[in-house]
């Protein structure tokens, strides 16, 4: 019959198709886990202003040079140092709205873990061990699944490590991808500085050959060293190919050296502590790994151990660098686990079963992908969406004070009609002194109210029952005009001018002292109340 040869041909094609092989099935299963974890994260406060910047670039066809989003730092020099990722985010939002946000989040999170999965395989030569290692570190990586250009930056870090590993294993062509990677990277995220460090570390560790117990070093051949050095020089040159010249390349170093208040006060820059769940997981994972070393007696090459120590130090110093630990640790864990996992045997593969399961997982991804309404409701539960609607219906004259975590949302929702007090672009606010003033207001320093007067604040948008909101409700001139379960809006009424009452001033009496003529009405009433005899 005619259908029999066709069925046989389909069977043979399915057998040879890499899409339906067991490693691909494991990759799809990993993507499903990443998607489930990513969908649990609320919208990051910085996501909003990243999207707004991308929208402005697409609309104007030019790159910003000064701040136009705030009234406190307006005109201050500011550049979109993550513009490429922001344009991607804005493009997706323009096409699909809130679902576009989730699509880019799912895409970038999955890309990061698929690259990490392949990198772990390169180091362990065992697909099962690579999958297991990525599954173990998924809880740590999950806290970084937020809609920000940093996910693209860390994906490029893994891609750099893949190129270096393939080059070390004898694939010379892999090293020539680095200049193109860094060209894209510098326009996407400041984590390219880690890439420069990693490339330099690989080069340094290959200068000598040695064996010291379980630690060894392999020396580059003259040709390998020359290729790596040329690639490094081209990569550094590529850092200058940006809309801002060399200024994007300088930003990570400005952050490290010139922004102490940012690093000292923003949560993601705080040290990793064990009072956090992921801090406990980090310590427990390290202890179990070192315990396994006493059994397996794993050997290391110098660059492997150096990267592990560097990543542990970075994660301990700043919790936002925990993702660096995940990237450096996963391949080492895979190499350790490979001792207990049998290697992949193509002869035992079941392509059609794998394909059916992959299709089922794709259907599951489609099923769990949130609707536009669900995403808007999620945003409304974390951000002052209803308060913004109130402000649109009841405009308030004057400057509005807002919380740091809401500045990005207000930029996205209200710009260009209104400007914010502060947002997640902490760099410009630190340079202009705004960040320190914000912290004093937010932490209720004694001069908090005078600082609000300094910036001529006429309204404050704060979290419901926040300490500052409680203070303002009892402060003279402040009164709440709107509140919901998320936010509270308070306005400041300018006191009425002092009254002059000549008759009372000319004829002081016990009921109305002479000084009362210079008091506002509210204080006149109080003065009268205090002097009326019983």
Protein backbone atom coordinates (compact mmCIF):
# COMPACT_ATOMS: atom_id res chain seq x y z
CA UNK A 1 0.00 0.00 0.00
CA UNK A 2 1.12 3.60 -0.70
CA UNK A 3 0.90 4.73 2.90
CA UNK A 4 3.33 2.09 4.16
CA UNK A 5 6.48 3.55 2.48
CA UNK A 6 5.42 7.04 3.60
CA UNK A 7 4.98 5.87 7.18
CA UNK A 8 8.33 4.09 7.07
CA UNK A 9 10.03 7.22 5.73
CA UNK A 10 8.41 9.32 8.46
CA UNK A 11 9.61 6.84 11.08
CA UNK A 12 13.18 7.01 9.81
CA UNK A 13 13.12 10.80 9.68
CA UNK A 14 11.76 10.94 13.22
CA UNK A 15 14.52 8.60 14.37
CA UNK A 16 17.20 10.88 12.93
CA UNK A 17 15.59 14.18 13.92
CA UNK A 18 17.52 15.89 16.72
CA UNK A 19 14.33 17.63 17.84
CA UNK A 20 12.91 14.34 19.09
CA UNK A 21 16.01 12.97 20.78
CA UNK A 22 16.21 12.50 24.53
CA UNK A 23 18.54 15.50 25.16
CA UNK A 24 16.01 17.73 23.37
CA UNK A 25 13.23 16.29 25.53
CA UNK A 26 15.24 17.14 28.65
CA UNK A 27 15.75 20.66 27.33
CA UNK A 28 12.02 21.06 26.76
CA UNK A 29 11.33 19.79 30.27
CA UNK A 30 13.79 22.36 31.60
CA UNK A 31 12.01 25.12 29.69
CA UNK A 32 8.70 24.04 31.22
CA UNK A 33 10.21 24.30 34.70
CA UNK A 34 11.65 27.72 33.88
CA UNK A 35 8.26 28.90 32.60
CA UNK A 36 6.42 27.73 35.71
CA UNK A 37 8.95 29.52 37.93
CA UNK A 38 9.03 32.70 35.84
CA UNK A 39 5.25 33.05 35.81
CA UNK A 40 5.28 33.19 39.62
CA UNK A 41 7.34 36.39 39.70
CA UNK A 42 5.51 39.73 39.73
CA UNK A 43 6.53 42.49 37.37
CA UNK A 44 9.87 43.93 38.45
CA UNK A 45 9.78 47.64 39.44
CA UNK A 46 12.49 48.44 36.89
CA UNK A 47 10.72 46.67 34.04
CA UNK A 48 8.34 49.59 33.55
CA UNK A 49 10.91 52.27 32.95
CA UNK A 50 12.95 49.94 30.74
CA UNK A 51 9.87 49.51 28.54
CA UNK A 52 9.23 53.27 28.60
CA UNK A 53 12.79 54.01 27.48
CA UNK A 54 12.48 51.50 24.66
CA UNK A 55 9.18 53.07 23.59
CA UNK A 56 10.77 56.50 23.51
CA UNK A 57 13.68 55.27 21.37
CA UNK A 58 11.28 53.64 18.93
CA UNK A 59 9.04 56.70 18.82
CA UNK A 60 11.74 59.38 18.52
CA UNK A 61 14.26 57.40 16.50
CA UNK A 62 17.04 58.79 18.71
CA UNK A 63 18.83 57.90 21.91
CA UNK A 64 18.30 59.93 25.11
CA UNK A 65 21.16 62.06 26.38
CA UNK A 66 19.48 63.73 29.36
CA UNK A 67 16.79 62.83 31.86
CA UNK A 68 13.25 63.79 30.91
CA UNK A 69 11.37 61.41 33.19
CA UNK A 70 11.82 63.19 36.56
CA UNK A 71 11.37 66.72 37.83
CA UNK A 72 14.13 66.35 40.41
CA UNK A 73 16.96 65.43 38.02
CA UNK A 74 15.52 66.93 34.83
CA UNK A 75 18.23 67.87 32.36
CA UNK A 76 20.86 65.73 34.11
CA UNK A 77 23.08 63.77 31.74
CA UNK A 78 21.70 60.25 31.35
CA UNK A 79 22.13 57.59 28.68
CA UNK A 80 20.14 54.45 27.90
CA UNK A 81 22.96 52.03 28.72
CA UNK A 82 20.72 48.98 28.12
CA UNK A 83 18.98 50.31 25.03
CA UNK A 84 19.05 47.14 22.92
CA UNK A 85 17.22 45.06 25.51
CA UNK A 86 14.82 47.93 26.17
CA UNK A 87 13.91 48.19 22.48
CA UNK A 88 13.19 44.45 22.43
CA UNK A 89 10.95 44.76 25.49
CA UNK A 90 9.12 47.78 24.08
CA UNK A 91 8.60 46.10 20.70
CA UNK A 92 6.98 43.07 22.32
CA UNK A 93 4.80 45.29 24.52
CA UNK A 94 3.71 47.30 21.49
CA UNK A 95 2.61 44.16 19.64
CA UNK A 96 1.09 42.11 22.48
CA UNK A 97 0.65 44.40 25.48
CA UNK A 98 1.14 42.78 28.88
CA UNK A 99 1.39 39.37 27.24
CA UNK A 100 4.34 40.73 25.30
CA UNK A 101 6.07 41.36 28.62
CA UNK A 102 5.52 37.76 29.66
CA UNK A 103 6.60 36.43 26.27
CA UNK A 104 9.95 38.25 26.43
CA UNK A 105 10.41 37.09 30.03
CA UNK A 106 9.76 33.48 29.07
CA UNK A 107 11.98 33.76 26.00
CA UNK A 108 14.98 35.27 27.81
CA UNK A 109 14.68 32.99 30.86
CA UNK A 110 14.47 29.90 28.66
CA UNK A 111 17.39 31.06 26.52
CA UNK A 112 19.55 31.49 29.62
CA UNK A 113 18.82 27.99 30.89
CA UNK A 114 19.10 26.24 27.55
CA UNK A 115 22.54 27.79 27.09
CA UNK A 116 23.46 26.79 30.64
CA UNK A 117 22.22 23.26 29.94
CA UNK A 118 24.47 23.01 26.87
CA UNK A 119 27.43 24.53 28.73
CA UNK A 120 27.02 22.01 31.55
CA UNK A 121 26.99 19.25 28.94
CA UNK A 122 30.21 20.56 27.36
CA UNK A 123 31.93 20.37 30.73
CA UNK A 124 30.50 16.99 31.79
CA UNK A 125 29.83 15.24 28.46
CA UNK A 126 26.65 13.86 30.00
CA UNK A 127 23.21 15.20 29.07
CA UNK A 128 21.50 13.66 32.09
CA UNK A 129 24.01 15.15 34.51
CA UNK A 130 23.70 18.54 32.81
CA UNK A 131 19.91 18.42 33.16
CA UNK A 132 20.14 17.38 36.82
CA UNK A 133 22.61 20.18 37.60
CA UNK A 134 20.40 22.81 35.96
CA UNK A 135 17.38 21.49 37.84
CA UNK A 136 19.24 21.79 41.15
CA UNK A 137 20.20 25.44 40.58
CA UNK A 138 16.80 26.43 39.15
CA UNK A 139 15.41 27.61 42.54
CA UNK A 140 18.34 30.02 42.89
CA UNK A 141 18.12 31.27 39.32
CA UNK A 142 14.34 31.69 39.54
CA UNK A 143 14.56 34.87 41.58
CA UNK A 144 16.27 36.52 38.59
CA UNK A 145 13.51 35.66 36.13
CA UNK A 146 12.32 39.24 35.80
CA UNK A 147 11.70 41.37 32.73
CA UNK A 148 14.99 43.22 32.59
CA UNK A 149 17.86 43.34 30.07
CA UNK A 150 20.07 41.57 32.61
CA UNK A 151 18.70 38.18 31.50
CA UNK A 152 20.06 38.82 28.01
CA UNK A 153 23.35 39.94 29.53
CA UNK A 154 23.75 36.76 31.55
CA UNK A 155 22.78 34.66 28.53
CA UNK A 156 25.65 36.32 26.67
CA UNK A 157 27.94 35.46 29.59
CA UNK A 158 27.05 31.78 29.24
CA UNK A 159 27.54 32.03 25.47
CA UNK A 160 31.01 33.49 26.09
CA UNK A 161 31.86 30.59 28.39
CA UNK A 162 30.64 28.14 25.74
CA UNK A 163 32.90 29.73 23.12
CA UNK A 164 35.89 29.62 25.47
CA UNK A 165 35.22 26.00 26.41
CA UNK A 166 34.85 24.91 22.80
CA UNK A 167 38.07 26.76 21.97
CA UNK A 168 39.84 25.04 24.85
CA UNK A 169 38.58 21.69 23.54
CA UNK A 170 40.09 22.36 20.10
CA UNK A 171 37.46 24.28 18.11
CA UNK A 172 39.47 27.30 16.98
CA UNK A 173 36.60 28.98 15.14
CA UNK A 174 34.60 29.35 18.36
CA UNK A 175 36.88 32.09 19.67
CA UNK A 176 36.11 34.41 16.74
CA UNK A 177 32.51 34.76 17.88
CA UNK A 178 33.61 36.74 20.95
CA UNK A 179 33.98 40.18 19.27
CA UNK A 180 30.41 39.96 17.94
CA UNK A 181 29.13 38.80 21.32
CA UNK A 182 30.73 41.77 23.09
CA UNK A 183 29.44 44.19 20.46
CA UNK A 184 25.87 43.09 21.21
CA UNK A 185 26.56 42.75 24.93
CA UNK A 186 27.81 46.29 25.57
CA UNK A 187 24.59 47.65 24.06
CA UNK A 188 22.43 45.29 26.11
CA UNK A 189 23.70 45.16 29.70
CA UNK A 190 26.66 46.16 31.84
CA UNK A 191 27.44 42.55 32.75
CA UNK A 192 29.86 42.53 29.80
CA UNK A 193 32.45 43.47 32.44
CA UNK A 194 32.16 39.90 33.76
CA UNK A 195 32.80 38.67 30.24
CA UNK A 196 36.02 40.64 30.03
CA UNK A 197 37.08 39.21 33.38
CA UNK A 198 36.32 35.63 32.30
CA UNK A 199 38.21 35.94 29.01
CA UNK A 200 41.17 37.46 30.82
CA UNK A 201 41.09 34.70 33.42
CA UNK A 202 41.09 31.97 30.77
CA UNK A 203 44.06 33.63 29.07
CA UNK A 204 45.99 34.01 32.34
CA UNK A 205 45.36 30.45 33.52
CA UNK A 206 46.69 29.12 30.22
CA UNK A 207 50.08 30.76 30.49
CA UNK A 208 51.64 27.96 32.56
CA UNK A 209 51.32 24.20 32.79
CA UNK A 210 51.40 22.56 36.22
CA UNK A 211 50.03 19.73 38.36
CA UNK A 212 49.51 20.23 42.08
CA UNK A 213 47.48 17.45 43.67
CA UNK A 214 43.95 17.66 42.28
CA UNK A 215 44.63 21.06 40.70
CA UNK A 216 46.16 21.39 37.26
CA UNK A 217 46.76 23.92 34.52
CA UNK A 218 47.02 23.40 30.76
CA UNK A 219 49.22 25.77 28.80
CA UNK A 220 47.97 27.34 25.59
CA UNK A 221 49.83 26.55 22.43
CA UNK A 222 51.44 29.56 20.77
CA UNK A 223 48.72 29.59 18.13
CA UNK A 224 45.92 29.31 20.70
CA UNK A 225 47.37 32.14 22.77
CA UNK A 226 47.73 34.37 19.71
CA UNK A 227 44.15 33.68 18.59
CA UNK A 228 42.83 34.39 22.07
CA UNK A 229 44.78 37.65 22.34
CA UNK A 230 43.58 38.89 18.94
CA UNK A 231 40.00 37.98 19.86
CA UNK A 232 40.35 39.84 23.16
CA UNK A 233 41.61 42.99 21.40
CA UNK A 234 38.78 42.85 18.86
CA UNK A 235 36.28 42.36 21.70
CA UNK A 236 37.56 45.43 23.53
CA UNK A 237 37.38 47.41 20.29
CA UNK A 238 33.79 46.26 19.84
CA UNK A 239 32.86 47.89 23.15
CA UNK A 240 33.20 51.27 21.45
CA UNK A 241 30.58 50.49 18.78
CA UNK A 242 27.58 52.03 20.55
CA UNK A 243 25.30 55.05 20.04
CA UNK A 244 27.19 56.72 22.90
CA UNK A 245 30.76 55.88 21.92
CA UNK A 246 32.82 54.63 24.86
CA UNK A 247 30.40 55.82 27.55
CA UNK A 248 28.52 52.51 27.67
CA UNK A 249 31.79 50.66 28.23
CA UNK A 250 32.61 52.93 31.17
CA UNK A 251 29.28 52.53 32.98
CA UNK A 252 29.99 49.33 35.02
CA UNK A 253 33.13 50.92 36.40
CA UNK A 254 31.28 54.13 37.28
CA UNK A 255 28.73 52.02 39.16
CA UNK A 256 31.44 50.23 41.12
CA UNK A 257 33.43 53.35 41.99
CA UNK A 258 31.14 56.38 41.95
CA UNK A 259 27.78 55.24 43.33
CA UNK A 260 28.30 54.30 47.01
CA UNK A 261 24.79 55.28 48.14
CA UNK A 262 23.22 53.16 45.40
CA UNK A 263 25.29 50.11 46.29
CA UNK A 264 24.80 50.62 50.04
CA UNK A 265 21.01 51.09 50.05
CA UNK A 266 19.37 49.33 47.10
CA UNK A 267 18.18 45.84 48.11
CA UNK A 268 19.72 43.90 45.22
CA UNK A 269 23.16 45.24 46.11
CA UNK A 270 22.96 44.06 49.73
CA UNK A 271 25.13 41.14 50.93
CA UNK A 272 23.63 37.67 50.78
CA UNK A 273 22.36 36.63 54.21
CA UNK A 274 20.96 33.39 55.58
CA UNK A 275 17.77 35.01 56.87
CA UNK A 276 16.56 34.74 53.26
CA UNK A 277 15.34 31.42 51.89
CA UNK A 278 17.63 31.54 48.88
CA UNK A 279 20.53 32.43 51.19
CA UNK A 280 19.95 29.22 53.14
CA UNK A 281 19.67 27.27 49.88
CA UNK A 282 22.96 28.76 48.67
CA UNK A 283 24.85 27.77 51.83
CA UNK A 284 23.28 24.30 51.94
CA UNK A 285 24.12 23.65 48.30
CA UNK A 286 27.74 24.64 48.81
CA UNK A 287 28.08 22.44 51.90
CA UNK A 288 26.62 19.42 50.11
CA UNK A 289 28.91 20.02 47.15
CA UNK A 290 32.01 20.19 49.31
CA UNK A 291 30.86 17.06 51.15
CA UNK A 292 30.61 15.27 47.81
CA UNK A 293 34.21 16.26 47.11
CA UNK A 294 35.38 14.09 49.98
CA UNK A 295 33.76 11.08 48.29
CA UNK A 296 34.35 11.76 44.60
CA UNK A 297 37.79 13.37 44.82
CA UNK A 298 36.99 15.63 41.88
CA UNK A 299 39.94 17.31 40.16
CA UNK A 300 39.94 20.88 38.91
CA UNK A 301 41.66 22.92 36.30
CA UNK A 302 42.89 26.28 37.51
CA UNK A 303 40.32 28.36 35.62
CA UNK A 304 37.46 26.20 36.95
CA UNK A 305 38.42 26.67 40.59
CA UNK A 306 39.15 30.38 40.07
CA UNK A 307 35.70 30.94 38.55
CA UNK A 308 34.02 29.02 41.37
CA UNK A 309 35.78 31.05 44.07
CA UNK A 310 35.07 34.30 42.24
CA UNK A 311 31.37 33.48 41.89
CA UNK A 312 31.00 32.51 45.56
CA UNK A 313 32.72 35.73 46.61
CA UNK A 314 30.57 37.85 44.27
CA UNK A 315 27.31 36.26 45.41
CA UNK A 316 28.22 36.70 49.07
CA UNK A 317 29.13 40.34 48.53
CA UNK A 318 26.04 41.32 46.50
CA UNK A 319 22.95 39.14 46.26
CA UNK A 320 22.27 40.25 42.69
CA UNK A 321 25.39 38.31 41.66
CA UNK A 322 23.93 35.03 42.86
CA UNK A 323 23.16 34.37 39.19
CA UNK A 324 26.92 34.45 38.51
CA UNK A 325 27.31 31.64 41.02
CA UNK A 326 24.54 29.67 39.29
CA UNK A 327 26.30 30.00 35.93
CA UNK A 328 29.73 29.00 37.24
CA UNK A 329 28.52 26.28 39.61
CA UNK A 330 26.15 24.32 37.33
CA UNK A 331 28.88 22.85 35.04
CA UNK A 332 30.99 21.81 38.04
CA UNK A 333 27.99 20.11 39.60
CA UNK A 334 27.24 18.40 36.27
CA UNK A 335 30.80 17.08 36.08
CA UNK A 336 30.42 15.68 39.59
CA UNK A 337 27.01 14.10 38.92
CA UNK A 338 28.23 12.52 35.67
CA UNK A 339 29.92 9.85 37.80
CA UNK A 340 26.50 8.52 38.78
CA UNK A 341 24.54 9.04 35.53
CA UNK A 342 24.91 6.64 32.63
CA UNK A 343 25.75 8.48 29.38
CA UNK A 344 23.09 9.03 26.76
CA UNK A 345 22.73 6.03 24.42
CA UNK A 346 21.10 6.94 21.06
CA UNK A 347 20.31 3.27 20.43
CA UNK A 348 17.89 3.25 23.35
CA UNK A 349 16.17 6.48 22.35
CA UNK A 350 12.43 6.66 21.69
CA UNK A 351 12.02 9.64 19.31
CA UNK A 352 8.27 9.41 18.85
CA UNK A 353 7.66 9.20 22.58
CA UNK A 354 10.02 12.12 23.12
CA UNK A 355 8.23 14.08 20.41
CA UNK A 356 4.82 13.37 21.91
CA UNK A 357 6.03 14.52 25.32
CA UNK A 358 7.57 17.68 23.85
CA UNK A 359 4.27 18.50 22.14
CA UNK A 360 2.46 17.90 25.43
CA UNK A 361 4.84 20.28 27.20
CA UNK A 362 4.30 22.94 24.52
CA UNK A 363 0.56 22.56 25.10
CA UNK A 364 1.16 22.95 28.83
CA UNK A 365 3.15 26.14 28.18
CA UNK A 366 0.27 27.50 26.15
CA UNK A 367 -2.15 26.54 28.92
CA UNK A 368 -0.23 28.20 31.77
CA UNK A 369 0.59 31.35 29.80
CA UNK A 370 -1.39 34.10 31.57
CA UNK A 371 -4.10 36.10 29.86
CA UNK A 372 -3.95 39.85 29.35
CA UNK A 373 -6.58 40.36 32.04
CA UNK A 374 -4.74 38.20 34.57
CA UNK A 375 -1.51 40.11 33.97
CA UNK A 376 -3.24 43.46 34.39
CA UNK A 377 -4.81 42.26 37.63
CA UNK A 378 -1.40 41.08 38.84
CA UNK A 379 0.03 44.52 38.10
CA UNK A 380 -2.88 46.21 39.88
CA UNK A 381 -2.13 44.18 43.02
CA UNK A 382 1.47 45.40 43.16
CA UNK A 383 1.44 48.87 41.63
CA UNK A 384 -0.76 51.97 42.07
CA UNK A 385 -2.84 51.35 38.96
CA UNK A 386 -6.09 52.58 40.48
CA UNK A 387 -4.41 55.61 42.04
CA UNK A 388 -3.03 56.56 38.63
CA UNK A 389 -6.56 56.37 37.23
CA UNK A 390 -7.72 58.65 40.06
CA UNK A 391 -4.97 61.14 39.22
CA UNK A 392 -6.04 61.14 35.59
CA UNK A 393 -9.63 61.86 36.59
CA UNK A 394 -8.68 64.33 39.34
CA UNK A 395 -5.47 66.12 38.31
CA UNK A 396 -3.38 67.55 41.12
CA UNK A 397 -1.32 70.66 40.56
CA UNK A 398 2.29 70.61 41.67
CA UNK A 399 4.96 68.00 42.24
CA UNK A 400 4.19 64.44 43.33
CA UNK A 401 6.39 62.45 45.71
CA UNK A 402 6.48 58.74 44.94
CA UNK A 403 8.13 55.64 46.32
CA UNK A 404 11.31 54.34 44.68
CA UNK A 405 9.73 51.07 43.58
CA UNK A 406 6.81 52.82 41.90
CA UNK A 407 8.76 55.40 39.92
CA UNK A 408 9.21 53.12 36.93
CA UNK A 409 5.51 52.32 36.79
CA UNK A 410 4.58 56.00 36.99
CA UNK A 411 6.98 56.77 34.12
CA UNK A 412 5.35 54.07 32.02
CA UNK A 413 1.80 55.09 32.96
CA UNK A 414 1.97 58.90 33.18
CA UNK A 415 4.89 60.20 31.12
CA UNK A 416 5.12 62.70 29.43
CA UNK A 417 2.23 64.48 31.18
CA UNK A 418 3.80 64.05 34.60
CA UNK A 419 7.30 63.51 35.90
CA UNK A 420 8.41 61.44 38.88
CA UNK A 421 10.37 62.26 42.02
CA UNK A 422 12.56 59.16 41.73
CA UNK A 423 12.69 55.79 39.98
CA UNK A 424 14.99 52.80 39.54
CA UNK A 425 17.67 54.75 37.65
CA UNK A 426 19.54 55.30 40.90
CA UNK A 427 22.70 56.55 39.19
CA UNK A 428 21.39 59.96 38.13
CA UNK A 429 19.66 60.49 41.47
CA UNK A 430 22.84 59.76 43.37
CA UNK A 431 24.92 62.13 41.26
CA UNK A 432 22.38 64.93 41.76
CA UNK A 433 21.94 64.29 45.50
CA UNK A 434 18.30 63.26 45.15
CA UNK A 435 18.84 59.69 46.36
CA UNK A 436 20.17 60.75 49.75
CA UNK A 437 17.25 63.15 50.24
CA UNK A 438 14.79 60.43 49.22
CA UNK A 439 16.26 58.03 51.77
CA UNK A 440 15.96 60.64 54.52
CA UNK A 441 12.31 61.23 53.67
CA UNK A 442 11.47 57.56 53.31
CA UNK A 443 13.19 56.67 56.59
CA UNK A 444 11.46 59.52 58.46
CA UNK A 445 14.53 61.49 59.45
CA UNK A 446 13.75 64.60 61.52
CA UNK A 447 14.06 66.80 58.44
CA UNK A 448 11.69 64.69 56.31
CA UNK A 449 8.91 67.30 56.19
CA UNK A 450 11.32 70.14 55.47
CA UNK A 451 12.78 68.12 52.60
CA UNK A 452 9.30 67.71 51.15
CA UNK A 453 8.93 71.49 51.33
CA UNK A 454 12.37 71.86 49.70
CA UNK A 455 11.07 70.09 46.59
CA UNK A 456 7.69 71.88 46.79
CA UNK A 457 5.85 68.57 47.08
CA UNK A 458 2.09 69.05 46.86
CA UNK A 459 1.04 65.38 46.86
CA UNK A 460 2.49 62.05 47.97
CA UNK A 461 1.72 58.61 46.57
CA UNK A 462 2.70 56.00 49.16
CA UNK A 463 1.93 52.41 50.03
CA UNK A 464 -1.14 51.89 52.15
CA UNK A 465 -0.30 52.21 55.85
CA UNK A 466 3.33 53.05 55.14
CA UNK A 467 5.30 54.90 57.86
CA UNK A 468 5.52 58.04 55.72
CA UNK A 469 1.80 57.92 55.03
CA UNK A 470 1.11 57.66 58.76
CA UNK A 471 3.34 60.68 59.40
CA UNK A 472 1.71 62.79 56.70
CA UNK A 473 -1.81 62.02 57.91
CA UNK A 474 -0.91 63.69 61.20
CA UNK A 475 1.21 66.50 59.74
CA UNK A 476 -0.30 69.99 59.40
CA UNK A 477 -1.69 70.68 55.95
CA UNK A 478 -1.68 67.08 54.75
CA UNK A 479 -4.85 65.10 54.16
CA UNK A 480 -5.68 61.84 52.34
CA UNK A 481 -7.83 62.13 49.22
CA UNK A 482 -7.67 58.57 47.87
CA UNK A 483 -6.82 55.11 49.19
CA UNK A 484 -7.14 51.51 48.09
CA UNK A 485 -5.60 48.23 49.26
CA UNK A 486 -2.29 49.05 47.52
CA UNK A 487 -1.72 52.78 47.69
CA UNK A 488 -2.71 56.01 49.36
CA UNK A 489 -2.66 59.53 47.92
CA UNK A 490 -2.25 62.51 50.23
CA UNK A 491 -2.26 66.16 49.22
CA UNK A 492 -0.80 69.22 50.89
CA UNK A 493 -3.03 72.24 51.26
CA UNK A 494 -1.07 75.48 51.37
CA UNK A 495 -1.98 77.28 54.62
CA UNK A 496 -4.11 80.37 54.25
CA UNK A 497 -2.21 83.65 54.53
CA UNK A 498 -2.04 85.30 57.93
CA UNK A 499 -4.99 87.53 58.81
CA UNK A 500 -4.66 91.10 59.98
CA UNK A 501 -7.34 92.36 62.39
CA UNK A 502 -6.58 95.99 63.19
CA UNK A 503 -9.21 96.36 65.88
CA UNK A 504 -7.86 93.46 67.85
CA UNK A 505 -4.27 94.53 67.30
CA UNK A 506 -5.02 98.03 68.52
CA UNK A 507 -6.97 96.86 71.57
CA UNK A 508 -5.34 93.79 73.09
CA UNK A 509 -7.62 91.82 75.34
CA UNK A 510 -7.44 88.75 77.46
CA UNK A 511 -9.42 86.74 74.91
CA UNK A 512 -7.34 87.82 71.87
CA UNK A 513 -3.70 88.66 72.59
CA UNK A 514 -1.94 91.16 70.29
CA UNK A 515 0.17 88.43 68.72
CA UNK A 516 -2.99 86.67 67.57
CA UNK A 517 -3.44 89.27 64.83
CA UNK A 518 -0.54 87.65 62.93
CA UNK A 519 -1.77 84.09 63.23
CA UNK A 520 -3.59 82.00 60.61
CA UNK A 521 -7.25 81.25 61.19
CA UNK A 522 -6.64 77.82 62.67
CA UNK A 523 -4.21 79.25 65.21
CA UNK A 524 -6.59 82.13 65.95
CA UNK A 525 -9.20 79.59 66.91
CA UNK A 526 -6.65 77.78 69.08
CA UNK A 527 -5.54 81.02 70.74
CA UNK A 528 -9.14 81.88 71.48
CA UNK A 529 -9.76 78.43 72.90
CA UNK A 530 -6.80 78.62 75.22
CA UNK A 531 -7.69 82.03 76.66
CA UNK A 532 -11.42 81.70 77.20
CA UNK A 533 -11.97 81.50 80.98
CA UNK A 534 -13.79 78.55 82.39
